Amino acid sequence: MQNNSFLSPEFFSAIAAVLSFFTSVVAVYISVNFNKISIKHMSAMTLLEVENQINTRKSELDKVIYEINKNIHKNRISKKQQNRISKKQLKIFENYLNACKENYYNSLDRLCFAILKEYLKEDDLMGEYKTLLKETITNDEESFSVQTPYKNIIKLNNKWQKN
């Protein structure tokens, strides 16, 4: 005679299996959604870090340009002051300016690379960076010639200017 009772061990095993299945489904659902949130968070952190690097390097570039302009302005005031800055000092300023520009442009190029490779959302960043890229290229055409190492800046700017 079969035991059709709800208290049988088979019944409890079936209930445990069903509960285990639903628990697994819920765990997978939570895990997938957590990963989506985690990926969004990581993208935001990456963007903030890149923007921080860009701002730091732009600030350093602005400082050296200020120092150069300040010293050039002083040189226009008097002959005595013109002699204060030697060609060697001007060369040091020029080298530092070039290093600052390179650091700044490398940061922008990495950001453009991340946007072009869809590591960061293009639509979210176009409004903020479209004008910056165009002005950067326009203000230093020599650095963005055909042989430029900053290909991602050029590529993204061309794409955005077509829109």
Protein backbone atom coordinates (compact mmCIF):
# COMPACT_ATOMS: atom_id res chain seq x y z
CA MET A 1 0.00 0.00 0.00
CA GLN A 2 1.31 3.41 -1.02
CA ASN A 3 1.49 6.24 1.39
CA ASN A 4 -0.25 9.21 -0.29
CA SER A 5 0.04 11.33 2.78
CA PHE A 6 1.32 14.87 2.69
CA LEU A 7 3.59 13.90 5.53
CA SER A 8 5.56 11.38 3.52
CA PRO A 9 9.33 11.85 3.02
CA GLU A 10 8.86 12.05 -0.76
CA PHE A 11 6.49 14.99 -0.38
CA PHE A 12 8.98 16.88 1.79
CA SER A 13 11.77 16.11 -0.68
CA ALA A 14 9.67 17.48 -3.55
CA ILE A 15 8.87 20.65 -1.60
CA ALA A 16 12.56 21.09 -0.72
CA ALA A 17 13.54 20.69 -4.38
CA VAL A 18 10.98 23.29 -5.51
CA LEU A 19 12.10 25.75 -2.81
CA SER A 20 15.73 25.14 -3.71
CA PHE A 21 14.94 25.85 -7.38
CA PHE A 22 13.15 29.13 -6.58
CA THR A 23 15.94 30.16 -4.23
CA SER A 24 18.47 29.55 -7.00
CA VAL A 25 16.42 31.58 -9.49
CA VAL A 26 16.18 34.48 -7.03
CA ALA A 27 19.92 34.27 -6.29
CA VAL A 28 20.77 34.37 -10.01
CA TYR A 29 18.41 37.32 -10.53
CA ILE A 30 19.98 39.25 -7.64
CA SER A 31 23.49 38.41 -8.85
CA VAL A 32 22.79 39.61 -12.40
CA ASN A 33 21.28 42.88 -11.18
CA PHE A 34 24.11 43.42 -8.71
CA ASN A 35 26.64 42.91 -11.51
CA LYS A 36 24.84 45.50 -13.65
CA ILE A 37 25.00 47.99 -10.80
CA SER A 38 28.62 47.11 -10.14
CA ILE A 39 29.56 47.62 -13.80
CA LYS A 40 27.80 51.01 -13.84
CA HIS A 41 29.62 51.97 -10.65
CA MET A 42 32.98 50.90 -12.09
CA SER A 43 32.31 52.89 -15.29
CA ALA A 44 31.48 55.97 -13.25
CA MET A 45 34.61 55.56 -11.13
CA THR A 46 36.75 55.12 -14.25
CA LEU A 47 35.27 58.24 -15.80
CA LEU A 48 35.86 60.25 -12.63
CA GLU A 49 39.47 59.09 -12.47
CA VAL A 50 40.12 59.97 -16.11
CA GLU A 51 38.45 63.36 -15.66
CA ASN A 52 40.57 63.96 -12.56
CA GLN A 53 43.73 63.19 -14.55
CA ILE A 54 42.61 65.49 -17.36
CA ASN A 55 41.87 68.34 -14.93
CA THR A 56 45.18 67.89 -13.09
CA ARG A 57 47.15 67.89 -16.31
CA LYS A 58 45.21 70.83 -17.75
CA SER A 59 45.88 72.77 -14.56
CA GLU A 60 49.61 72.06 -14.85
CA LEU A 61 49.52 73.14 -18.50
CA ASP A 62 47.75 76.37 -17.54
CA LYS A 63 50.39 77.08 -14.87
CA VAL A 64 53.30 76.76 -17.26
CA ILE A 65 51.55 78.90 -19.88
CA TYR A 66 50.94 81.51 -17.19
CA GLU A 67 54.61 81.47 -16.15
CA ILE A 68 55.77 81.81 -19.73
CA ASN A 69 53.37 84.67 -20.43
CA LYS A 70 54.29 86.38 -17.17
CA ASN A 71 57.98 86.26 -18.01
CA ILE A 72 57.44 87.34 -21.61
CA HIS A 73 55.33 90.27 -20.38
CA LYS A 74 58.09 91.27 -17.96
CA ASN A 75 60.56 91.17 -20.83
CA ARG A 76 58.49 93.67 -22.79
CA ILE A 77 58.62 96.17 -19.96
CA SER A 78 62.34 96.91 -19.75
CA LYS A 79 65.66 95.96 -21.28
CA LYS A 80 67.05 95.00 -17.88
CA GLN A 81 64.28 92.52 -17.36
CA GLN A 82 64.70 91.17 -20.88
CA ASN A 83 68.17 90.07 -19.94
CA ARG A 84 66.88 88.27 -16.84
CA ILE A 85 65.55 85.36 -18.82
CA SER A 86 68.19 83.55 -20.76
CA LYS A 87 67.65 81.42 -23.81
CA LYS A 88 68.38 78.43 -21.58
CA GLN A 89 65.54 79.39 -19.23
CA LEU A 90 63.17 79.85 -22.16
CA LYS A 91 64.17 76.41 -23.45
CA ILE A 92 63.39 74.94 -20.02
CA PHE A 93 59.95 76.59 -20.13
CA GLU A 94 59.40 75.31 -23.65
CA ASN A 95 60.34 71.75 -22.69
CA TYR A 96 58.09 71.87 -19.65
CA LEU A 97 55.24 73.28 -21.73
CA ASN A 98 55.63 70.45 -24.25
CA ALA A 99 55.66 67.84 -21.47
CA CYS A 100 52.51 69.32 -19.91
CA LYS A 101 50.75 69.42 -23.28
CA GLU A 102 51.71 65.80 -23.94
CA ASN A 103 50.38 64.68 -20.54
CA TYR A 104 47.13 66.58 -21.05
CA TYR A 105 46.61 65.32 -24.59
CA ASN A 106 47.39 61.74 -23.53
CA SER A 107 44.67 61.98 -20.87
CA LEU A 108 42.16 63.30 -23.40
CA ASP A 109 43.20 60.61 -25.86
CA ARG A 110 42.56 57.87 -23.27
CA LEU A 111 39.12 59.29 -22.58
CA CYS A 112 38.37 59.36 -26.32
CA PHE A 113 39.61 55.76 -26.62
CA ALA A 114 37.26 54.66 -23.83
CA ILE A 115 34.34 56.42 -25.53
CA LEU A 116 35.16 55.02 -28.98
CA LYS A 117 35.46 51.47 -27.57
CA GLU A 118 32.14 51.99 -25.75
CA TYR A 119 33.66 51.52 -22.31
CA LEU A 120 31.94 54.79 -21.47
CA LYS A 121 28.60 56.00 -22.82
CA GLU A 122 29.14 58.36 -25.73
CA ASP A 123 25.75 60.05 -25.40
CA ASP A 124 26.48 60.98 -21.78
CA LEU A 125 29.80 62.60 -22.64
CA MET A 126 29.30 64.22 -26.03
CA GLY A 127 27.63 67.34 -24.64
CA GLU A 128 30.43 67.88 -22.16
CA TYR A 129 33.44 67.14 -24.36
CA LYS A 130 32.45 67.96 -27.96
CA THR A 131 33.42 71.63 -27.73
CA LEU A 132 36.51 70.89 -25.65
CA LEU A 133 37.88 68.51 -28.28
CA LYS A 134 37.21 70.92 -31.12
CA GLU A 135 38.81 73.87 -29.30
CA THR A 136 41.80 71.79 -28.23
CA ILE A 137 42.51 70.78 -31.82
CA THR A 138 41.85 74.29 -33.18
CA ASN A 139 44.10 75.94 -30.59
CA ASP A 140 47.06 73.63 -31.27
CA GLU A 141 46.81 72.48 -34.88
CA GLU A 142 50.52 71.65 -34.91
CA SER A 143 50.05 68.93 -32.29
CA PHE A 144 47.11 67.47 -34.23
CA SER A 145 48.66 67.21 -37.67
CA VAL A 146 48.55 64.06 -39.81
CA GLN A 147 51.35 62.45 -37.77
CA THR A 148 49.68 63.12 -34.42
CA PRO A 149 49.90 60.39 -31.80
CA TYR A 150 46.48 61.52 -30.56
CA LYS A 151 44.45 59.62 -33.14
CA ASN A 152 41.53 58.94 -30.78
CA ILE A 153 41.01 62.65 -30.18
CA ILE A 154 40.93 63.31 -33.93
CA LYS A 155 38.66 60.34 -34.64
CA LEU A 156 36.12 61.18 -31.93
CA ASN A 157 36.15 64.88 -32.79
CA ASN A 158 35.51 64.13 -36.47
CA LYS A 159 32.66 61.80 -35.52
CA TRP A 160 31.07 64.33 -33.18
CA GLN A 161 31.46 67.25 -35.57
CA LYS A 162 29.50 65.30 -38.18
CA ASN A 163 26.57 64.97 -35.73
